[in-house]
N, C-alpha and C. Protein backbone atom coordinates (compact mmCIF):
# COMPACT_ATOMS: atom_id res chain seq x y z
N UNK A 1 -50.04 -44.26 30.54
CA UNK A 1 -50.32 -44.84 31.84
C UNK A 1 -50.62 -46.33 31.69
N UNK A 2 -50.09 -47.10 32.55
CA UNK A 2 -50.31 -48.54 32.56
C UNK A 2 -51.68 -48.86 33.14
N UNK A 3 -52.35 -49.90 32.62
CA UNK A 3 -53.64 -50.29 33.21
C UNK A 3 -53.50 -51.13 34.48
N UNK A 4 -52.31 -51.21 35.01
CA UNK A 4 -52.08 -52.03 36.20
C UNK A 4 -52.82 -51.45 37.40
N UNK A 5 -53.52 -52.32 38.13
CA UNK A 5 -54.25 -51.89 39.32
C UNK A 5 -54.13 -52.92 40.43
N UNK A 6 -54.52 -52.50 41.63
CA UNK A 6 -54.48 -53.36 42.81
C UNK A 6 -55.87 -53.46 43.40
N UNK A 7 -56.32 -54.68 43.58
CA UNK A 7 -57.68 -54.94 44.07
C UNK A 7 -57.56 -55.75 45.36
N UNK A 8 -58.13 -55.23 46.43
CA UNK A 8 -58.10 -55.90 47.73
C UNK A 8 -59.50 -56.36 48.08
N UNK A 9 -59.63 -57.65 48.38
CA UNK A 9 -60.89 -58.25 48.81
C UNK A 9 -60.69 -58.60 50.29
N UNK A 10 -61.52 -58.02 51.14
CA UNK A 10 -61.33 -58.17 52.59
C UNK A 10 -62.57 -58.78 53.24
N UNK A 11 -62.35 -59.83 54.00
CA UNK A 11 -63.39 -60.40 54.86
C UNK A 11 -62.99 -60.02 56.28
N UNK A 12 -63.89 -59.37 56.99
CA UNK A 12 -63.58 -58.95 58.37
C UNK A 12 -64.70 -59.39 59.30
N UNK A 13 -64.33 -60.14 60.33
CA UNK A 13 -65.33 -60.60 61.30
C UNK A 13 -64.93 -60.11 62.68
N UNK A 14 -65.88 -60.23 63.61
CA UNK A 14 -65.64 -59.73 64.95
C UNK A 14 -65.63 -58.21 64.99
N UNK A 15 -66.30 -57.58 64.02
CA UNK A 15 -66.32 -56.12 63.95
C UNK A 15 -67.22 -55.54 65.03
N UNK A 16 -66.95 -54.27 65.39
CA UNK A 16 -67.78 -53.63 66.41
C UNK A 16 -69.06 -53.06 65.80
N UNK A 17 -69.87 -52.44 66.64
CA UNK A 17 -71.19 -51.97 66.23
C UNK A 17 -71.17 -50.83 65.22
N UNK A 18 -70.03 -50.21 65.00
CA UNK A 18 -69.95 -49.10 64.06
C UNK A 18 -70.34 -49.54 62.64
N UNK A 19 -70.20 -50.82 62.33
CA UNK A 19 -70.52 -51.28 60.97
C UNK A 19 -72.01 -51.19 60.66
N UNK A 20 -72.83 -50.92 61.66
CA UNK A 20 -74.26 -50.74 61.45
C UNK A 20 -74.67 -49.27 61.33
N UNK A 21 -73.72 -48.37 61.40
CA UNK A 21 -74.00 -46.94 61.36
C UNK A 21 -73.61 -46.39 59.98
N UNK A 22 -74.60 -46.08 59.17
CA UNK A 22 -74.34 -45.68 57.78
C UNK A 22 -73.50 -44.40 57.70
N UNK A 23 -73.76 -43.43 58.57
CA UNK A 23 -73.00 -42.18 58.52
C UNK A 23 -71.53 -42.41 58.89
N UNK A 24 -71.30 -43.22 59.91
CA UNK A 24 -69.92 -43.50 60.33
C UNK A 24 -69.16 -44.31 59.29
N UNK A 25 -69.83 -45.28 58.68
CA UNK A 25 -69.15 -46.08 57.66
C UNK A 25 -68.82 -45.23 56.45
N UNK A 26 -69.69 -44.31 56.12
CA UNK A 26 -69.40 -43.40 55.01
C UNK A 26 -68.17 -42.54 55.33
N UNK A 27 -68.13 -42.00 56.54
CA UNK A 27 -66.97 -41.20 56.95
C UNK A 27 -65.69 -42.01 56.89
N UNK A 28 -65.76 -43.25 57.36
CA UNK A 28 -64.58 -44.12 57.38
C UNK A 28 -64.07 -44.40 55.97
N UNK A 29 -64.98 -44.74 55.04
CA UNK A 29 -64.53 -45.04 53.69
C UNK A 29 -64.01 -43.81 52.95
N UNK A 30 -64.63 -42.67 53.16
CA UNK A 30 -64.14 -41.44 52.53
C UNK A 30 -62.75 -41.10 53.08
N UNK A 31 -62.57 -41.24 54.38
CA UNK A 31 -61.26 -40.97 54.97
C UNK A 31 -60.23 -42.00 54.49
N UNK A 32 -60.64 -43.25 54.33
CA UNK A 32 -59.73 -44.27 53.81
C UNK A 32 -59.26 -43.90 52.40
N UNK A 33 -60.17 -43.40 51.59
CA UNK A 33 -59.80 -42.96 50.24
C UNK A 33 -58.80 -41.81 50.30
N UNK A 34 -59.03 -40.89 51.21
CA UNK A 34 -58.11 -39.75 51.37
C UNK A 34 -56.73 -40.24 51.82
N UNK A 35 -56.72 -41.14 52.80
CA UNK A 35 -55.45 -41.66 53.30
C UNK A 35 -54.70 -42.45 52.23
N UNK A 36 -55.43 -43.01 51.27
CA UNK A 36 -54.82 -43.79 50.20
C UNK A 36 -54.32 -42.90 49.06
N UNK A 37 -54.40 -41.58 49.27
CA UNK A 37 -53.92 -40.62 48.28
C UNK A 37 -54.71 -40.70 46.97
N UNK A 38 -56.04 -40.82 47.09
CA UNK A 38 -56.90 -40.87 45.92
C UNK A 38 -57.86 -39.69 45.93
N UNK A 39 -58.48 -39.43 44.79
CA UNK A 39 -59.41 -38.31 44.67
C UNK A 39 -60.85 -38.83 44.63
N UNK A 40 -61.66 -38.40 45.57
CA UNK A 40 -63.06 -38.82 45.66
C UNK A 40 -63.91 -38.04 44.67
N UNK A 41 -64.73 -38.77 43.92
CA UNK A 41 -65.64 -38.14 42.96
C UNK A 41 -67.10 -38.28 43.37
N UNK A 42 -67.48 -39.41 43.91
CA UNK A 42 -68.89 -39.64 44.22
C UNK A 42 -68.99 -40.58 45.42
N UNK A 43 -70.01 -40.36 46.25
CA UNK A 43 -70.22 -41.18 47.44
C UNK A 43 -71.70 -41.55 47.51
N UNK A 44 -71.99 -42.84 47.68
CA UNK A 44 -73.37 -43.30 47.81
C UNK A 44 -73.43 -44.42 48.84
N UNK A 45 -74.20 -44.20 49.90
CA UNK A 45 -74.36 -45.19 50.97
C UNK A 45 -75.84 -45.38 51.28
N UNK A 46 -76.17 -46.58 51.75
CA UNK A 46 -77.56 -46.89 52.08
C UNK A 46 -77.57 -47.80 53.31
N UNK A 47 -78.57 -47.59 54.17
CA UNK A 47 -78.77 -48.44 55.34
C UNK A 47 -79.95 -49.36 55.06
N UNK A 48 -79.73 -50.67 55.21
CA UNK A 48 -80.79 -51.64 55.03
C UNK A 48 -81.36 -52.02 56.39
N UNK A 49 -82.67 -52.08 56.52
CA UNK A 49 -83.28 -52.45 57.80
C UNK A 49 -82.85 -53.85 58.22
N UNK A 50 -82.53 -54.09 59.47
CA UNK A 50 -82.59 -53.09 60.52
C UNK A 50 -81.34 -52.21 60.58
N UNK A 51 -80.15 -52.71 60.13
CA UNK A 51 -78.97 -51.85 60.26
C UNK A 51 -77.79 -52.26 59.39
N UNK A 52 -77.99 -52.98 58.32
CA UNK A 52 -76.89 -53.32 57.42
C UNK A 52 -76.54 -52.11 56.56
N UNK A 53 -75.29 -51.99 56.17
CA UNK A 53 -74.84 -50.84 55.40
C UNK A 53 -74.19 -51.33 54.10
N UNK A 54 -74.52 -50.66 53.01
CA UNK A 54 -73.84 -50.86 51.73
C UNK A 54 -73.45 -49.50 51.22
N UNK A 55 -72.26 -49.41 50.64
CA UNK A 55 -71.85 -48.12 50.12
C UNK A 55 -70.69 -48.22 49.17
N UNK A 56 -70.54 -47.16 48.39
CA UNK A 56 -69.44 -47.09 47.44
C UNK A 56 -68.89 -45.67 47.41
N UNK A 57 -67.58 -45.59 47.34
CA UNK A 57 -66.87 -44.32 47.15
C UNK A 57 -66.17 -44.45 45.80
N UNK A 58 -66.63 -43.65 44.84
CA UNK A 58 -66.01 -43.66 43.52
C UNK A 58 -64.85 -42.67 43.54
N UNK A 59 -63.70 -43.14 43.15
CA UNK A 59 -62.49 -42.32 43.15
C UNK A 59 -61.93 -42.27 41.72
N UNK A 60 -61.10 -41.29 41.45
CA UNK A 60 -60.46 -41.21 40.13
C UNK A 60 -59.75 -42.51 39.80
N UNK A 61 -59.21 -43.15 40.81
CA UNK A 61 -58.40 -44.35 40.63
C UNK A 61 -59.24 -45.63 40.64
N UNK A 62 -60.53 -45.60 40.87
CA UNK A 62 -61.51 -46.69 40.78
C UNK A 62 -62.55 -46.60 41.89
N UNK A 63 -62.46 -47.46 42.95
CA UNK A 63 -63.54 -47.45 43.95
C UNK A 63 -63.15 -48.13 45.27
N UNK A 64 -63.96 -47.80 46.29
CA UNK A 64 -63.97 -48.51 47.56
C UNK A 64 -65.44 -48.87 47.79
N UNK A 65 -65.72 -50.10 48.17
CA UNK A 65 -67.11 -50.46 48.47
C UNK A 65 -67.16 -51.33 49.71
N UNK A 66 -68.32 -51.30 50.34
CA UNK A 66 -68.50 -52.03 51.60
C UNK A 66 -69.91 -52.57 51.70
N UNK A 67 -70.03 -53.72 52.35
CA UNK A 67 -71.33 -54.32 52.68
C UNK A 67 -71.16 -54.87 54.09
N UNK A 68 -72.11 -54.57 54.98
CA UNK A 68 -71.98 -55.03 56.36
C UNK A 68 -73.20 -55.83 56.80
N UNK A 69 -72.96 -56.75 57.71
CA UNK A 69 -73.98 -57.54 58.36
C UNK A 69 -73.73 -57.42 59.86
N UNK A 70 -74.21 -56.35 60.48
CA UNK A 70 -73.95 -56.13 61.90
C UNK A 70 -74.43 -57.27 62.80
N UNK A 71 -75.51 -57.92 62.41
CA UNK A 71 -76.02 -59.02 63.24
C UNK A 71 -75.02 -60.18 63.31
N UNK A 72 -74.10 -60.25 62.36
CA UNK A 72 -73.06 -61.28 62.36
C UNK A 72 -71.68 -60.68 62.64
N UNK A 73 -71.62 -59.38 62.93
CA UNK A 73 -70.35 -58.68 63.15
C UNK A 73 -69.38 -58.87 61.98
N UNK A 74 -69.94 -58.88 60.76
CA UNK A 74 -69.16 -59.18 59.55
C UNK A 74 -69.24 -58.04 58.56
N UNK A 75 -68.11 -57.79 57.89
CA UNK A 75 -68.02 -56.75 56.87
C UNK A 75 -67.24 -57.29 55.67
N UNK A 76 -67.74 -56.99 54.47
CA UNK A 76 -67.03 -57.31 53.23
C UNK A 76 -66.57 -55.97 52.63
N UNK A 77 -65.29 -55.85 52.39
CA UNK A 77 -64.70 -54.61 51.88
C UNK A 77 -63.99 -54.91 50.57
N UNK A 78 -64.13 -53.99 49.62
CA UNK A 78 -63.54 -54.13 48.30
C UNK A 78 -62.87 -52.81 47.95
N UNK A 79 -61.57 -52.83 47.70
CA UNK A 79 -60.85 -51.60 47.33
C UNK A 79 -60.04 -51.89 46.08
N UNK A 80 -60.29 -51.11 45.04
CA UNK A 80 -59.57 -51.26 43.78
C UNK A 80 -59.02 -49.90 43.37
N UNK A 81 -57.71 -49.84 43.16
CA UNK A 81 -57.09 -48.60 42.73
C UNK A 81 -56.09 -48.88 41.61
N UNK A 82 -55.90 -47.88 40.80
CA UNK A 82 -54.83 -47.90 39.81
C UNK A 82 -54.07 -46.58 39.98
N UNK A 83 -53.04 -46.42 39.24
CA UNK A 83 -52.25 -45.20 39.35
C UNK A 83 -51.02 -45.41 40.20
N UNK A 84 -50.02 -44.62 39.91
CA UNK A 84 -48.73 -44.79 40.58
C UNK A 84 -48.70 -44.23 41.99
N UNK A 85 -49.62 -43.34 42.32
CA UNK A 85 -49.53 -42.65 43.61
C UNK A 85 -50.54 -43.13 44.65
N UNK A 86 -51.47 -44.01 44.27
CA UNK A 86 -52.44 -44.48 45.25
C UNK A 86 -51.80 -45.52 46.16
N UNK A 87 -52.33 -45.59 47.38
CA UNK A 87 -51.79 -46.50 48.40
C UNK A 87 -52.94 -47.29 49.02
N UNK A 88 -53.49 -48.26 48.29
CA UNK A 88 -54.67 -48.98 48.77
C UNK A 88 -54.44 -49.76 50.06
N UNK A 89 -53.22 -50.19 50.30
CA UNK A 89 -52.94 -50.93 51.54
C UNK A 89 -53.25 -50.08 52.76
N UNK A 90 -52.97 -48.80 52.66
CA UNK A 90 -53.24 -47.89 53.78
C UNK A 90 -54.74 -47.79 54.01
N UNK A 91 -55.52 -47.74 52.93
CA UNK A 91 -56.98 -47.69 53.06
C UNK A 91 -57.50 -48.96 53.73
N UNK A 92 -56.98 -50.11 53.32
CA UNK A 92 -57.40 -51.39 53.91
C UNK A 92 -57.12 -51.39 55.41
N UNK A 93 -55.90 -51.07 55.78
CA UNK A 93 -55.52 -51.07 57.20
C UNK A 93 -56.37 -50.08 58.01
N UNK A 94 -56.63 -48.92 57.45
CA UNK A 94 -57.41 -47.91 58.16
C UNK A 94 -58.82 -48.41 58.44
N UNK A 95 -59.49 -48.97 57.44
CA UNK A 95 -60.87 -49.45 57.64
C UNK A 95 -60.89 -50.57 58.68
N UNK A 96 -59.97 -51.52 58.57
CA UNK A 96 -59.93 -52.63 59.54
C UNK A 96 -59.72 -52.11 60.95
N UNK A 97 -58.84 -51.14 61.10
CA UNK A 97 -58.59 -50.55 62.41
C UNK A 97 -59.85 -49.87 62.97
N UNK A 98 -60.57 -49.17 62.12
CA UNK A 98 -61.75 -48.43 62.58
C UNK A 98 -62.90 -49.34 63.02
N UNK A 99 -63.05 -50.49 62.39
CA UNK A 99 -64.16 -51.39 62.74
C UNK A 99 -63.76 -52.40 63.81
N UNK A 100 -62.49 -52.34 64.23
CA UNK A 100 -61.97 -53.20 65.32
C UNK A 100 -62.18 -54.69 65.04
N UNK A 101 -61.97 -55.08 63.80
CA UNK A 101 -62.12 -56.48 63.41
C UNK A 101 -61.18 -57.37 64.22
N UNK A 102 -61.67 -58.52 64.67
CA UNK A 102 -60.82 -59.46 65.40
C UNK A 102 -60.22 -60.51 64.47
N UNK A 103 -60.74 -60.61 63.26
CA UNK A 103 -60.22 -61.58 62.30
C UNK A 103 -60.41 -61.03 60.89
N UNK A 104 -59.35 -61.04 60.11
CA UNK A 104 -59.46 -60.59 58.72
C UNK A 104 -58.78 -61.59 57.80
N UNK A 105 -59.28 -61.64 56.60
CA UNK A 105 -58.69 -62.44 55.54
C UNK A 105 -58.66 -61.53 54.32
N UNK A 106 -57.47 -61.30 53.77
CA UNK A 106 -57.31 -60.32 52.70
C UNK A 106 -56.67 -60.98 51.48
N UNK A 107 -57.31 -60.79 50.34
CA UNK A 107 -56.74 -61.24 49.08
C UNK A 107 -56.36 -60.00 48.28
N UNK A 108 -55.13 -59.97 47.82
CA UNK A 108 -54.63 -58.86 47.00
C UNK A 108 -54.49 -59.36 45.57
N UNK A 109 -55.16 -58.70 44.66
CA UNK A 109 -55.12 -59.07 43.25
C UNK A 109 -54.44 -57.95 42.48
N UNK A 110 -53.40 -58.29 41.76
CA UNK A 110 -52.75 -57.33 40.86
C UNK A 110 -53.37 -57.57 39.49
N UNK A 111 -54.01 -56.53 38.95
CA UNK A 111 -54.76 -56.67 37.70
C UNK A 111 -54.07 -55.90 36.57
N UNK A 112 -54.32 -56.35 35.34
CA UNK A 112 -53.83 -55.65 34.17
C UNK A 112 -52.36 -55.88 33.88
N UNK A 113 -51.85 -57.05 34.22
CA UNK A 113 -50.45 -57.35 33.96
C UNK A 113 -50.26 -57.77 32.51
N UNK A 114 -49.23 -57.27 31.88
CA UNK A 114 -48.90 -57.60 30.50
C UNK A 114 -47.38 -57.65 30.40
N UNK A 115 -46.79 -58.70 30.94
CA UNK A 115 -45.34 -58.78 31.03
C UNK A 115 -44.61 -58.91 29.70
N UNK A 116 -45.26 -59.45 28.68
CA UNK A 116 -44.53 -59.67 27.44
C UNK A 116 -44.93 -58.72 26.32
N UNK A 117 -45.75 -57.71 26.59
CA UNK A 117 -46.10 -56.70 25.60
C UNK A 117 -47.06 -57.14 24.53
N UNK A 118 -47.74 -58.26 24.69
CA UNK A 118 -48.66 -58.72 23.66
C UNK A 118 -50.08 -58.16 23.81
N UNK A 119 -50.26 -57.25 24.77
CA UNK A 119 -51.56 -56.61 25.03
C UNK A 119 -52.63 -57.60 25.50
N UNK A 120 -52.20 -58.74 26.02
CA UNK A 120 -53.12 -59.68 26.65
C UNK A 120 -52.91 -59.53 28.14
N UNK A 121 -53.93 -59.06 28.82
CA UNK A 121 -53.82 -58.75 30.23
C UNK A 121 -54.30 -59.90 31.09
N UNK A 122 -53.74 -59.99 32.26
CA UNK A 122 -54.11 -61.03 33.21
C UNK A 122 -53.97 -60.49 34.62
N UNK A 123 -54.29 -61.30 35.61
CA UNK A 123 -54.13 -60.88 37.00
C UNK A 123 -53.41 -61.97 37.78
N UNK A 124 -52.88 -61.57 38.90
CA UNK A 124 -52.28 -62.52 39.84
C UNK A 124 -52.80 -62.17 41.22
N UNK A 125 -52.78 -63.13 42.12
CA UNK A 125 -53.25 -62.82 43.47
C UNK A 125 -52.44 -63.52 44.53
N UNK A 126 -52.44 -62.87 45.69
CA UNK A 126 -51.85 -63.44 46.89
C UNK A 126 -52.84 -63.23 48.03
N UNK A 127 -52.77 -64.07 49.01
CA UNK A 127 -53.62 -63.92 50.19
C UNK A 127 -52.74 -63.54 51.35
N UNK A 128 -53.10 -62.42 51.99
CA UNK A 128 -52.37 -62.00 53.17
C UNK A 128 -52.65 -62.98 54.29
N UNK A 129 -51.68 -63.15 55.14
CA UNK A 129 -51.86 -64.01 56.30
C UNK A 129 -53.06 -63.53 57.10
N UNK A 130 -53.84 -64.49 57.55
CA UNK A 130 -54.98 -64.13 58.38
C UNK A 130 -54.47 -63.48 59.65
N UNK A 131 -55.20 -62.49 60.09
CA UNK A 131 -54.80 -61.77 61.29
C UNK A 131 -55.82 -62.01 62.38
N UNK A 132 -55.34 -62.20 63.53
CA UNK A 132 -56.22 -62.36 64.68
C UNK A 132 -55.69 -61.46 65.79
N UNK A 133 -56.62 -60.82 66.47
CA UNK A 133 -56.21 -60.06 67.64
C UNK A 133 -57.26 -60.26 68.70
N UNK A 134 -56.85 -60.13 69.91
CA UNK A 134 -57.79 -60.32 71.02
C UNK A 134 -58.75 -59.13 71.07
N UNK A 135 -60.01 -59.46 71.23
CA UNK A 135 -61.01 -58.40 71.38
C UNK A 135 -60.87 -57.79 72.77
N UNK A 136 -60.97 -56.51 72.83
CA UNK A 136 -60.94 -55.81 74.11
C UNK A 136 -62.34 -55.33 74.42
N UNK A 137 -62.82 -55.54 75.63
CA UNK A 137 -64.20 -55.17 75.97
C UNK A 137 -64.55 -53.72 75.61
N UNK A 138 -63.62 -52.79 75.77
CA UNK A 138 -63.93 -51.38 75.49
C UNK A 138 -64.01 -51.12 73.99
N UNK A 139 -63.61 -52.06 73.15
CA UNK A 139 -63.67 -51.90 71.69
C UNK A 139 -64.91 -52.55 71.11
N UNK A 140 -65.65 -53.27 71.88
CA UNK A 140 -66.81 -53.98 71.36
C UNK A 140 -67.98 -53.07 71.11
């Protein structure tokens, strides 16, 4: 198996109030892992007073983690997977959709590249185009 993996760093702003609900955020990240075709091994989430959420979903293929600042409508999401069958992009899109983010900035890092066989690994990255969508009052 190749050590090649995909790491997504997501900044999401304009998120709705769900990012302050620890149970809902846990459900969302576990479902994102499932949708990404990964196997969940461990789940740990915590609510910080008054309502910030931090959590991690450990998967066979690596992890999904989240930190939220509801008072700023901001969420930081980190998804790293390896393996030929995982689909981390689907997990990223699912989480963004669930929190109704109005603005996202996504960096995709491909890790563990060894193009010339010398066993020296490196990474490369691209930044997805920033996305903006109009907030709808019923989604706030």
